[in-house]
Amino acid sequence: TKYIRHKIADVKASLTRVRTTIREMERKSDKDAWKDAIDCFKETKDRLELKLSHLTQLADAKFDGVKELQVHYAIMDLCE
């Protein structure tokens, strides 16, 4: 559905921003504070990749009215 495609686009955009930030931070410094921040961003990247995987699976599924409502609530949970 259009809603799922929109959520996929949002997650992909977030994932791109996180990946870019990780690369920039890795180039800037090797201090412990930067390493902690990089680790945090990598965890965020992993969560975003998992969300993207789930959303992509949902986008590929065939829906009826009741199932689509259930999927809507599942997406809301994923995107919190």
N, C-alpha and C. Protein backbone atom coordinates (compact mmCIF):
# COMPACT_ATOMS: atom_id res chain seq x y z
N THR A 1 0.83 -1.19 0.00
CA THR A 1 0.00 0.00 0.00
C THR A 1 0.87 1.25 0.00
N LYS A 2 0.24 2.36 -0.28
CA LYS A 2 0.96 3.64 -0.32
C LYS A 2 1.57 3.97 1.04
N TYR A 3 0.85 3.65 2.11
CA TYR A 3 1.32 3.92 3.47
C TYR A 3 2.63 3.18 3.75
N ILE A 4 2.67 1.91 3.38
CA ILE A 4 3.87 1.10 3.62
C ILE A 4 5.03 1.63 2.79
N ARG A 5 4.77 1.97 1.52
CA ARG A 5 5.85 2.52 0.68
C ARG A 5 6.40 3.81 1.27
N HIS A 6 5.53 4.64 1.83
CA HIS A 6 5.97 5.89 2.47
C HIS A 6 6.87 5.58 3.67
N LYS A 7 6.46 4.62 4.49
CA LYS A 7 7.27 4.24 5.66
C LYS A 7 8.62 3.67 5.23
N ILE A 8 8.63 2.87 4.17
CA ILE A 8 9.89 2.32 3.65
C ILE A 8 10.81 3.46 3.23
N ALA A 9 10.28 4.45 2.53
CA ALA A 9 11.08 5.60 2.10
C ALA A 9 11.64 6.35 3.30
N ASP A 10 10.83 6.52 4.36
CA ASP A 10 11.30 7.20 5.57
C ASP A 10 12.46 6.45 6.22
N VAL A 11 12.31 5.13 6.33
CA VAL A 11 13.34 4.31 6.97
C VAL A 11 14.62 4.33 6.13
N LYS A 12 14.48 4.24 4.80
CA LYS A 12 15.67 4.29 3.93
C LYS A 12 16.40 5.62 4.08
N ALA A 13 15.66 6.71 4.16
CA ALA A 13 16.28 8.03 4.32
C ALA A 13 17.02 8.11 5.65
N SER A 14 16.40 7.61 6.71
CA SER A 14 17.05 7.61 8.03
C SER A 14 18.31 6.76 8.00
N LEU A 15 18.22 5.62 7.36
CA LEU A 15 19.36 4.71 7.26
C LEU A 15 20.52 5.37 6.51
N THR A 16 20.22 6.08 5.46
CA THR A 16 21.26 6.79 4.71
C THR A 16 21.94 7.84 5.58
N ARG A 17 21.14 8.60 6.33
CA ARG A 17 21.71 9.62 7.21
C ARG A 17 22.61 8.99 8.28
N VAL A 18 22.18 7.89 8.85
CA VAL A 18 22.96 7.22 9.90
C VAL A 18 24.26 6.69 9.32
N ARG A 19 24.19 6.04 8.17
CA ARG A 19 25.41 5.50 7.55
C ARG A 19 26.41 6.61 7.25
N THR A 20 25.92 7.73 6.73
CA THR A 20 26.79 8.87 6.42
C THR A 20 27.44 9.40 7.69
N THR A 21 26.67 9.53 8.75
CA THR A 21 27.19 10.03 10.02
C THR A 21 28.26 9.10 10.58
N ILE A 22 28.03 7.80 10.48
CA ILE A 22 29.02 6.83 10.96
C ILE A 22 30.34 7.01 10.21
N ARG A 23 30.27 7.09 8.89
CA ARG A 23 31.50 7.26 8.10
C ARG A 23 32.23 8.55 8.47
N GLU A 24 31.48 9.64 8.62
CA GLU A 24 32.10 10.92 8.98
C GLU A 24 32.76 10.85 10.35
N MET A 25 32.09 10.23 11.31
CA MET A 25 32.63 10.15 12.66
C MET A 25 33.86 9.26 12.70
N GLU A 26 33.85 8.17 11.93
CA GLU A 26 35.01 7.28 11.91
C GLU A 26 36.24 7.98 11.34
N ARG A 27 36.05 8.89 10.41
CA ARG A 27 37.19 9.61 9.83
C ARG A 27 37.73 10.68 10.77
N LYS A 28 36.90 11.26 11.60
CA LYS A 28 37.30 12.42 12.41
C LYS A 28 38.23 12.09 13.56
N SER A 29 37.97 11.01 14.26
CA SER A 29 38.74 10.80 15.49
C SER A 29 38.68 9.36 15.93
N ASP A 30 39.65 8.98 16.74
CA ASP A 30 39.64 7.64 17.31
C ASP A 30 39.55 7.71 18.84
N LYS A 31 39.11 8.84 19.36
CA LYS A 31 38.95 8.99 20.81
C LYS A 31 37.80 8.12 21.29
N ASP A 32 37.85 7.74 22.57
CA ASP A 32 36.82 6.87 23.13
C ASP A 32 35.42 7.46 23.01
N ALA A 33 35.30 8.77 23.20
CA ALA A 33 33.98 9.40 23.12
C ALA A 33 33.39 9.21 21.72
N TRP A 34 34.22 9.35 20.71
CA TRP A 34 33.75 9.15 19.35
C TRP A 34 33.38 7.69 19.12
N LYS A 35 34.18 6.78 19.68
CA LYS A 35 33.88 5.35 19.51
C LYS A 35 32.53 5.01 20.12
N ASP A 36 32.22 5.58 21.28
CA ASP A 36 30.91 5.33 21.91
C ASP A 36 29.78 5.86 21.02
N ALA A 37 29.98 7.05 20.48
CA ALA A 37 28.96 7.63 19.60
C ALA A 37 28.79 6.79 18.34
N ILE A 38 29.90 6.34 17.78
CA ILE A 38 29.85 5.50 16.58
C ILE A 38 29.09 4.21 16.88
N ASP A 39 29.38 3.58 18.02
CA ASP A 39 28.68 2.36 18.40
C ASP A 39 27.18 2.60 18.51
N CYS A 40 26.81 3.74 19.08
CA CYS A 40 25.40 4.08 19.22
C CYS A 40 24.74 4.21 17.84
N PHE A 41 25.42 4.89 16.92
CA PHE A 41 24.87 5.04 15.57
C PHE A 41 24.79 3.70 14.85
N LYS A 42 25.76 2.82 15.10
CA LYS A 42 25.73 1.49 14.47
C LYS A 42 24.54 0.68 14.98
N GLU A 43 24.23 0.80 16.27
CA GLU A 43 23.04 0.13 16.81
C GLU A 43 21.78 0.68 16.15
N THR A 44 21.73 1.99 15.97
CA THR A 44 20.59 2.61 15.30
C THR A 44 20.48 2.10 13.87
N LYS A 45 21.62 1.99 13.18
CA LYS A 45 21.64 1.48 11.81
C LYS A 45 21.08 0.07 11.76
N ASP A 46 21.49 -0.78 12.71
CA ASP A 46 21.00 -2.15 12.75
C ASP A 46 19.49 -2.20 12.95
N ARG A 47 18.97 -1.34 13.84
CA ARG A 47 17.52 -1.30 14.07
C ARG A 47 16.79 -0.83 12.82
N LEU A 48 17.34 0.17 12.15
CA LEU A 48 16.71 0.67 10.92
C LEU A 48 16.72 -0.38 9.82
N GLU A 49 17.81 -1.13 9.71
CA GLU A 49 17.87 -2.20 8.70
C GLU A 49 16.83 -3.27 8.99
N LEU A 50 16.63 -3.59 10.27
CA LEU A 50 15.61 -4.57 10.64
C LEU A 50 14.21 -4.05 10.31
N LYS A 51 13.94 -2.78 10.63
CA LYS A 51 12.65 -2.18 10.28
C LYS A 51 12.42 -2.23 8.78
N LEU A 52 13.45 -1.88 8.02
CA LEU A 52 13.34 -1.87 6.57
C LEU A 52 13.02 -3.27 6.05
N SER A 53 13.66 -4.27 6.61
CA SER A 53 13.40 -5.64 6.21
C SER A 53 11.95 -6.03 6.48
N HIS A 54 11.45 -5.71 7.67
CA HIS A 54 10.06 -6.03 8.01
C HIS A 54 9.09 -5.27 7.11
N LEU A 55 9.34 -3.99 6.89
CA LEU A 55 8.44 -3.19 6.06
C LEU A 55 8.44 -3.69 4.62
N THR A 56 9.60 -4.09 4.12
CA THR A 56 9.68 -4.61 2.76
C THR A 56 8.89 -5.90 2.63
N GLN A 57 8.97 -6.76 3.64
CA GLN A 57 8.18 -7.99 3.63
C GLN A 57 6.69 -7.67 3.62
N LEU A 58 6.30 -6.68 4.42
CA LEU A 58 4.89 -6.30 4.46
C LEU A 58 4.44 -5.72 3.12
N ALA A 59 5.30 -4.96 2.48
CA ALA A 59 4.94 -4.36 1.19
C ALA A 59 4.73 -5.42 0.12
N ASP A 60 5.42 -6.54 0.25
CA ASP A 60 5.32 -7.61 -0.74
C ASP A 60 4.11 -8.52 -0.49
N ALA A 61 3.49 -8.41 0.68
CA ALA A 61 2.36 -9.29 1.03
C ALA A 61 1.09 -8.82 0.33
N LYS A 62 0.18 -9.77 0.14
CA LYS A 62 -1.14 -9.44 -0.41
C LYS A 62 -2.08 -9.24 0.78
N PHE A 63 -2.96 -8.23 0.69
CA PHE A 63 -3.77 -7.86 1.83
C PHE A 63 -5.26 -7.95 1.53
N ASP A 64 -6.01 -8.27 2.59
CA ASP A 64 -7.45 -8.03 2.57
C ASP A 64 -7.69 -6.94 3.61
N GLY A 65 -8.92 -6.49 3.79
CA GLY A 65 -9.20 -5.36 4.68
C GLY A 65 -8.75 -5.58 6.11
N VAL A 66 -9.08 -6.75 6.69
CA VAL A 66 -8.74 -7.03 8.09
C VAL A 66 -7.23 -7.16 8.25
N LYS A 67 -6.60 -7.88 7.35
CA LYS A 67 -5.15 -8.07 7.44
C LYS A 67 -4.43 -6.72 7.29
N GLU A 68 -4.93 -5.86 6.41
CA GLU A 68 -4.29 -4.56 6.22
C GLU A 68 -4.35 -3.73 7.50
N LEU A 69 -5.45 -3.82 8.23
CA LEU A 69 -5.56 -3.10 9.50
C LEU A 69 -4.55 -3.66 10.51
N GLN A 70 -4.41 -4.98 10.55
CA GLN A 70 -3.43 -5.60 11.45
C GLN A 70 -2.02 -5.15 11.08
N VAL A 71 -1.74 -5.09 9.80
CA VAL A 71 -0.42 -4.66 9.33
C VAL A 71 -0.18 -3.20 9.72
N HIS A 72 -1.22 -2.37 9.60
CA HIS A 72 -1.09 -0.96 9.99
C HIS A 72 -0.61 -0.85 11.44
N TYR A 73 -1.23 -1.62 12.33
CA TYR A 73 -0.82 -1.57 13.74
C TYR A 73 0.58 -2.13 13.93
N ALA A 74 0.95 -3.15 13.17
CA ALA A 74 2.31 -3.70 13.26
C ALA A 74 3.33 -2.65 12.81
N ILE A 75 3.01 -1.90 11.77
CA ILE A 75 3.92 -0.86 11.29
C ILE A 75 4.06 0.24 12.33
N MET A 76 2.96 0.61 12.94
CA MET A 76 3.03 1.64 13.98
C MET A 76 3.96 1.20 15.10
N ASP A 77 3.88 -0.09 15.49
CA ASP A 77 4.78 -0.60 16.52
C ASP A 77 6.23 -0.57 16.05
N LEU A 78 6.47 -0.96 14.81
CA LEU A 78 7.83 -0.99 14.28
C LEU A 78 8.45 0.40 14.21
N CYS A 79 7.64 1.39 13.90
CA CYS A 79 8.18 2.73 13.64
C CYS A 79 8.24 3.61 14.88
N GLU A 80 7.95 3.07 16.02
CA GLU A 80 8.04 3.87 17.25
C GLU A 80 9.47 3.96 17.71
